Amino acid sequence: MARTARGDVVSLALHRELDERLRLEPVFVVVRALQNVPRKRDLANGGARDAIDRWESLLRNYDFDGLRRVFLGEDDDSRMMRGNTVFQGVLTNEEREQILAGIPDSS
């Protein structure tokens, strides 16, 4: 079954901000995400590991159009990729909290 609608909304909102950060600070975003890949890969298996490998390929190839498609995509593949993100530490905790505060609670 698909992730909760709230989870998808949160993930999309965070990745929209990552898209903006990629435009402003592409080197920082790519370097930080690539630093996360080995740890994330060690913790992942199956489809999650495939997603990590795909993120790594997009990052190493500086495929900014591909990254943006996943960051902003509304399709199942983009949602799955965002659910296995490697962009921890790109946004500060304060930035994350501000984004989350702007998302209405659907309960």
N, C-alpha and C. Protein backbone atom coordinates (compact mmCIF):
# COMPACT_ATOMS: atom_id res chain seq x y z
N MET A 1 0.84 -1.18 0.00
CA MET A 1 0.00 0.00 0.00
C MET A 1 0.88 1.25 0.00
N ALA A 2 0.41 2.31 -0.60
CA ALA A 2 1.18 3.55 -0.71
C ALA A 2 1.33 4.20 0.66
N ARG A 3 2.36 5.01 0.77
CA ARG A 3 2.57 5.76 2.00
C ARG A 3 1.39 6.67 2.26
N THR A 4 1.28 7.13 3.48
CA THR A 4 0.18 8.01 3.83
C THR A 4 0.23 9.28 3.01
N ALA A 5 -0.92 9.86 2.80
CA ALA A 5 -0.98 11.12 2.06
C ALA A 5 -0.17 12.18 2.79
N ARG A 6 -0.24 12.21 4.12
CA ARG A 6 0.53 13.19 4.90
C ARG A 6 2.03 12.99 4.67
N GLY A 7 2.48 11.75 4.70
CA GLY A 7 3.89 11.47 4.48
C GLY A 7 4.35 11.95 3.12
N ASP A 8 3.50 11.77 2.10
CA ASP A 8 3.84 12.23 0.76
C ASP A 8 3.89 13.76 0.70
N VAL A 9 2.96 14.40 1.37
CA VAL A 9 2.92 15.87 1.40
C VAL A 9 4.17 16.41 2.09
N VAL A 10 4.54 15.82 3.21
CA VAL A 10 5.73 16.25 3.95
C VAL A 10 6.98 16.05 3.10
N SER A 11 7.11 14.86 2.53
CA SER A 11 8.28 14.56 1.72
C SER A 11 8.39 15.50 0.53
N LEU A 12 7.28 15.75 -0.15
CA LEU A 12 7.29 16.65 -1.30
C LEU A 12 7.67 18.07 -0.86
N ALA A 13 7.13 18.53 0.25
CA ALA A 13 7.45 19.88 0.74
C ALA A 13 8.95 20.01 1.05
N LEU A 14 9.52 19.02 1.70
CA LEU A 14 10.95 19.05 2.02
C LEU A 14 11.78 19.02 0.75
N HIS A 15 11.39 18.21 -0.21
CA HIS A 15 12.16 18.10 -1.45
C HIS A 15 11.97 19.32 -2.35
N ARG A 16 10.86 20.03 -2.22
CA ARG A 16 10.72 21.31 -2.93
C ARG A 16 11.77 22.29 -2.42
N GLU A 17 11.96 22.29 -1.12
CA GLU A 17 13.00 23.17 -0.54
C GLU A 17 14.39 22.70 -0.98
N LEU A 18 14.59 21.40 -1.05
CA LEU A 18 15.87 20.88 -1.55
C LEU A 18 16.10 21.31 -3.01
N ASP A 19 15.03 21.34 -3.79
CA ASP A 19 15.16 21.80 -5.17
C ASP A 19 15.65 23.24 -5.20
N GLU A 20 15.10 24.07 -4.36
CA GLU A 20 15.55 25.47 -4.29
C GLU A 20 17.00 25.54 -3.83
N ARG A 21 17.35 24.75 -2.85
CA ARG A 21 18.73 24.73 -2.36
C ARG A 21 19.68 24.25 -3.45
N LEU A 22 19.26 23.28 -4.25
CA LEU A 22 20.08 22.80 -5.36
C LEU A 22 20.36 23.92 -6.35
N ARG A 23 19.37 24.78 -6.58
CA ARG A 23 19.57 25.92 -7.49
C ARG A 23 20.57 26.92 -6.91
N LEU A 24 20.51 27.13 -5.60
CA LEU A 24 21.34 28.15 -4.95
C LEU A 24 22.73 27.66 -4.58
N GLU A 25 22.83 26.41 -4.14
CA GLU A 25 24.09 25.86 -3.64
C GLU A 25 24.31 24.43 -4.16
N PRO A 26 24.46 24.28 -5.48
CA PRO A 26 24.53 22.92 -6.03
C PRO A 26 25.70 22.10 -5.50
N VAL A 27 26.85 22.71 -5.32
CA VAL A 27 28.01 21.94 -4.85
C VAL A 27 27.76 21.44 -3.43
N PHE A 28 27.25 22.29 -2.55
CA PHE A 28 26.95 21.88 -1.18
C PHE A 28 25.96 20.72 -1.16
N VAL A 29 24.89 20.83 -1.93
CA VAL A 29 23.85 19.79 -1.94
C VAL A 29 24.44 18.46 -2.42
N VAL A 30 25.18 18.49 -3.52
CA VAL A 30 25.73 17.26 -4.08
C VAL A 30 26.74 16.64 -3.12
N VAL A 31 27.65 17.44 -2.59
CA VAL A 31 28.67 16.90 -1.68
C VAL A 31 28.03 16.32 -0.42
N ARG A 32 27.10 17.04 0.19
CA ARG A 32 26.45 16.55 1.42
C ARG A 32 25.70 15.25 1.15
N ALA A 33 24.96 15.20 0.06
CA ALA A 33 24.20 13.99 -0.25
C ALA A 33 25.12 12.81 -0.52
N LEU A 34 26.19 13.04 -1.27
CA LEU A 34 27.13 11.95 -1.54
C LEU A 34 27.80 11.45 -0.26
N GLN A 35 28.00 12.31 0.71
CA GLN A 35 28.55 11.89 1.99
C GLN A 35 27.60 10.94 2.71
N ASN A 36 26.31 11.09 2.48
CA ASN A 36 25.30 10.26 3.13
C ASN A 36 25.12 8.89 2.47
N VAL A 37 25.50 8.77 1.22
CA VAL A 37 25.21 7.55 0.44
C VAL A 37 25.75 6.28 1.10
N PRO A 38 27.02 6.21 1.50
CA PRO A 38 27.51 4.94 2.06
C PRO A 38 26.74 4.48 3.31
N ARG A 39 26.46 5.40 4.20
CA ARG A 39 25.72 5.05 5.43
C ARG A 39 24.31 4.59 5.09
N LYS A 40 23.66 5.33 4.20
CA LYS A 40 22.30 4.96 3.81
C LYS A 40 22.28 3.59 3.12
N ARG A 41 23.27 3.34 2.26
CA ARG A 41 23.34 2.06 1.55
C ARG A 41 23.53 0.91 2.54
N ASP A 42 24.37 1.12 3.56
CA ASP A 42 24.61 0.08 4.56
C ASP A 42 23.34 -0.29 5.31
N LEU A 43 22.42 0.65 5.46
CA LEU A 43 21.18 0.43 6.21
C LEU A 43 20.03 -0.07 5.34
N ALA A 44 20.22 -0.03 4.03
CA ALA A 44 19.12 -0.32 3.10
C ALA A 44 19.24 -1.71 2.51
N ASN A 45 18.12 -2.22 2.01
CA ASN A 45 18.11 -3.44 1.23
C ASN A 45 17.00 -3.37 0.20
N GLY A 46 17.03 -4.26 -0.76
CA GLY A 46 15.99 -4.33 -1.78
C GLY A 46 15.79 -3.05 -2.54
N GLY A 47 14.54 -2.64 -2.65
CA GLY A 47 14.18 -1.43 -3.39
C GLY A 47 14.80 -0.18 -2.82
N ALA A 48 14.96 -0.15 -1.51
CA ALA A 48 15.58 1.03 -0.88
C ALA A 48 17.03 1.16 -1.34
N ARG A 49 17.73 0.05 -1.41
CA ARG A 49 19.13 0.09 -1.87
C ARG A 49 19.19 0.53 -3.34
N ASP A 50 18.26 0.06 -4.14
CA ASP A 50 18.21 0.49 -5.54
C ASP A 50 17.99 2.00 -5.63
N ALA A 51 17.13 2.53 -4.78
CA ALA A 51 16.89 3.97 -4.77
C ALA A 51 18.15 4.73 -4.40
N ILE A 52 18.88 4.25 -3.41
CA ILE A 52 20.13 4.90 -3.00
C ILE A 52 21.11 4.89 -4.17
N ASP A 53 21.20 3.77 -4.86
CA ASP A 53 22.09 3.68 -6.03
C ASP A 53 21.68 4.68 -7.11
N ARG A 54 20.39 4.83 -7.30
CA ARG A 54 19.91 5.78 -8.31
C ARG A 54 20.21 7.21 -7.90
N TRP A 55 20.01 7.54 -6.61
CA TRP A 55 20.38 8.88 -6.13
C TRP A 55 21.86 9.13 -6.39
N GLU A 56 22.69 8.13 -6.05
CA GLU A 56 24.13 8.30 -6.23
C GLU A 56 24.47 8.56 -7.70
N SER A 57 23.85 7.84 -8.59
CA SER A 57 24.11 8.04 -10.02
C SER A 57 23.72 9.45 -10.46
N LEU A 58 22.53 9.90 -10.04
CA LEU A 58 22.10 11.26 -10.39
C LEU A 58 23.09 12.30 -9.86
N LEU A 59 23.54 12.11 -8.64
CA LEU A 59 24.47 13.05 -8.01
C LEU A 59 25.84 13.04 -8.68
N ARG A 60 26.39 11.86 -8.90
CA ARG A 60 27.73 11.75 -9.48
C ARG A 60 27.78 12.25 -10.93
N ASN A 61 26.64 12.17 -11.62
CA ASN A 61 26.56 12.65 -12.99
C ASN A 61 26.09 14.10 -13.07
N TYR A 62 25.95 14.74 -11.92
CA TYR A 62 25.45 16.13 -11.87
C TYR A 62 24.20 16.29 -12.73
N ASP A 63 23.31 15.30 -12.62
CA ASP A 63 22.07 15.31 -13.39
C ASP A 63 21.02 16.13 -12.64
N PHE A 64 21.18 17.45 -12.72
CA PHE A 64 20.29 18.34 -11.98
C PHE A 64 18.85 18.25 -12.48
N ASP A 65 18.66 18.05 -13.78
CA ASP A 65 17.30 17.88 -14.30
C ASP A 65 16.67 16.61 -13.73
N GLY A 66 17.44 15.54 -13.67
CA GLY A 66 16.94 14.29 -13.10
C GLY A 66 16.63 14.43 -11.63
N LEU A 67 17.50 15.12 -10.89
CA LEU A 67 17.25 15.36 -9.47
C LEU A 67 15.95 16.15 -9.29
N ARG A 68 15.79 17.18 -10.07
CA ARG A 68 14.59 18.01 -9.95
C ARG A 68 13.32 17.23 -10.29
N ARG A 69 13.42 16.34 -11.29
CA ARG A 69 12.25 15.51 -11.63
C ARG A 69 11.83 14.66 -10.43
N VAL A 70 12.80 14.10 -9.73
CA VAL A 70 12.47 13.28 -8.56
C VAL A 70 12.01 14.16 -7.40
N PHE A 71 12.70 15.27 -7.17
CA PHE A 71 12.32 16.18 -6.08
C PHE A 71 10.86 16.62 -6.21
N LEU A 72 10.42 16.89 -7.42
CA LEU A 72 9.11 17.52 -7.64
C LEU A 72 8.07 16.61 -8.24
N GLY A 73 8.46 15.39 -8.64
CA GLY A 73 7.54 14.48 -9.32
C GLY A 73 6.39 14.02 -8.44
N GLU A 74 5.26 13.82 -9.07
CA GLU A 74 4.05 13.36 -8.37
C GLU A 74 3.77 11.88 -8.64
N ASP A 75 4.67 11.22 -9.37
CA ASP A 75 4.47 9.81 -9.73
C ASP A 75 4.97 8.90 -8.61
N ASP A 76 4.59 7.63 -8.68
CA ASP A 76 4.96 6.66 -7.64
C ASP A 76 6.47 6.50 -7.52
N ASP A 77 7.18 6.51 -8.64
CA ASP A 77 8.63 6.35 -8.60
C ASP A 77 9.29 7.51 -7.85
N SER A 78 8.86 8.73 -8.12
CA SER A 78 9.42 9.89 -7.42
C SER A 78 9.11 9.81 -5.92
N ARG A 79 7.89 9.40 -5.58
CA ARG A 79 7.53 9.26 -4.16
C ARG A 79 8.40 8.20 -3.49
N MET A 80 8.64 7.09 -4.18
CA MET A 80 9.48 6.03 -3.63
C MET A 80 10.91 6.54 -3.42
N MET A 81 11.43 7.27 -4.40
CA MET A 81 12.79 7.81 -4.29
C MET A 81 12.88 8.79 -3.12
N ARG A 82 11.91 9.68 -3.01
CA ARG A 82 11.93 10.65 -1.89
C ARG A 82 11.83 9.93 -0.55
N GLY A 83 11.15 8.79 -0.53
CA GLY A 83 11.06 8.02 0.70
C GLY A 83 12.38 7.37 1.10
N ASN A 84 13.34 7.38 0.20
CA ASN A 84 14.67 6.82 0.45
C ASN A 84 15.73 7.88 0.17
N THR A 85 15.48 9.06 0.66
CA THR A 85 16.31 10.21 0.35
C THR A 85 17.72 10.09 0.96
N VAL A 86 18.65 10.78 0.33
CA VAL A 86 20.04 10.82 0.82
C VAL A 86 20.44 12.26 1.17
N PHE A 87 19.46 13.13 1.38
CA PHE A 87 19.74 14.55 1.53
C PHE A 87 19.68 15.04 2.98
N GLN A 88 19.86 14.12 3.93
CA GLN A 88 19.88 14.51 5.33
C GLN A 88 21.04 15.49 5.54
N GLY A 89 20.77 16.54 6.31
CA GLY A 89 21.82 17.51 6.62
C GLY A 89 21.92 18.65 5.64
N VAL A 90 21.20 18.59 4.53
CA VAL A 90 21.21 19.73 3.61
C VAL A 90 20.38 20.86 4.21
N LEU A 91 19.23 20.52 4.73
CA LEU A 91 18.40 21.50 5.43
C LEU A 91 18.71 21.42 6.92
N THR A 92 18.72 22.56 7.57
CA THR A 92 18.92 22.57 9.02
C THR A 92 17.64 22.07 9.70
N ASN A 93 17.77 21.70 10.96
CA ASN A 93 16.58 21.29 11.73
C ASN A 93 15.57 22.42 11.77
N GLU A 94 16.04 23.65 11.91
CA GLU A 94 15.14 24.80 11.95
C GLU A 94 14.38 24.96 10.63
N GLU A 95 15.08 24.77 9.51
CA GLU A 95 14.42 24.86 8.21
C GLU A 95 13.38 23.76 8.06
N ARG A 96 13.73 22.55 8.48
CA ARG A 96 12.78 21.44 8.42
C ARG A 96 11.55 21.73 9.26
N GLU A 97 11.77 22.20 10.48
CA GLU A 97 10.65 22.51 11.37
C GLU A 97 9.75 23.59 10.80
N GLN A 98 10.34 24.59 10.16
CA GLN A 98 9.56 25.66 9.55
C GLN A 98 8.69 25.11 8.42
N ILE A 99 9.25 24.25 7.60
CA ILE A 99 8.49 23.63 6.50
C ILE A 99 7.36 22.78 7.08
N LEU A 100 7.68 21.96 8.08
CA LEU A 100 6.66 21.08 8.67
C LEU A 100 5.55 21.88 9.34
N ALA A 101 5.89 23.02 9.94
CA ALA A 101 4.89 23.85 10.59
C ALA A 101 3.90 24.44 9.58
N GLY A 102 4.32 24.57 8.34
CA GLY A 102 3.46 25.12 7.30
C GLY A 102 2.55 24.11 6.64
N ILE A 103 2.64 22.85 7.05
CA ILE A 103 1.81 21.80 6.46
C ILE A 103 0.66 21.50 7.41
N PRO A 104 -0.56 21.69 6.95
CA PRO A 104 -1.72 21.43 7.84
C PRO A 104 -1.78 19.96 8.24
N ASP A 105 -2.19 19.71 9.47
CA ASP A 105 -2.35 18.35 9.97
C ASP A 105 -3.66 17.80 9.40
N SER A 106 -3.58 16.62 8.79
CA SER A 106 -4.76 16.05 8.12
C SER A 106 -5.56 15.14 9.03
N SER A 107 -5.23 15.08 10.32
CA SER A 107 -5.96 14.15 11.21
C SER A 107 -7.24 14.73 11.74
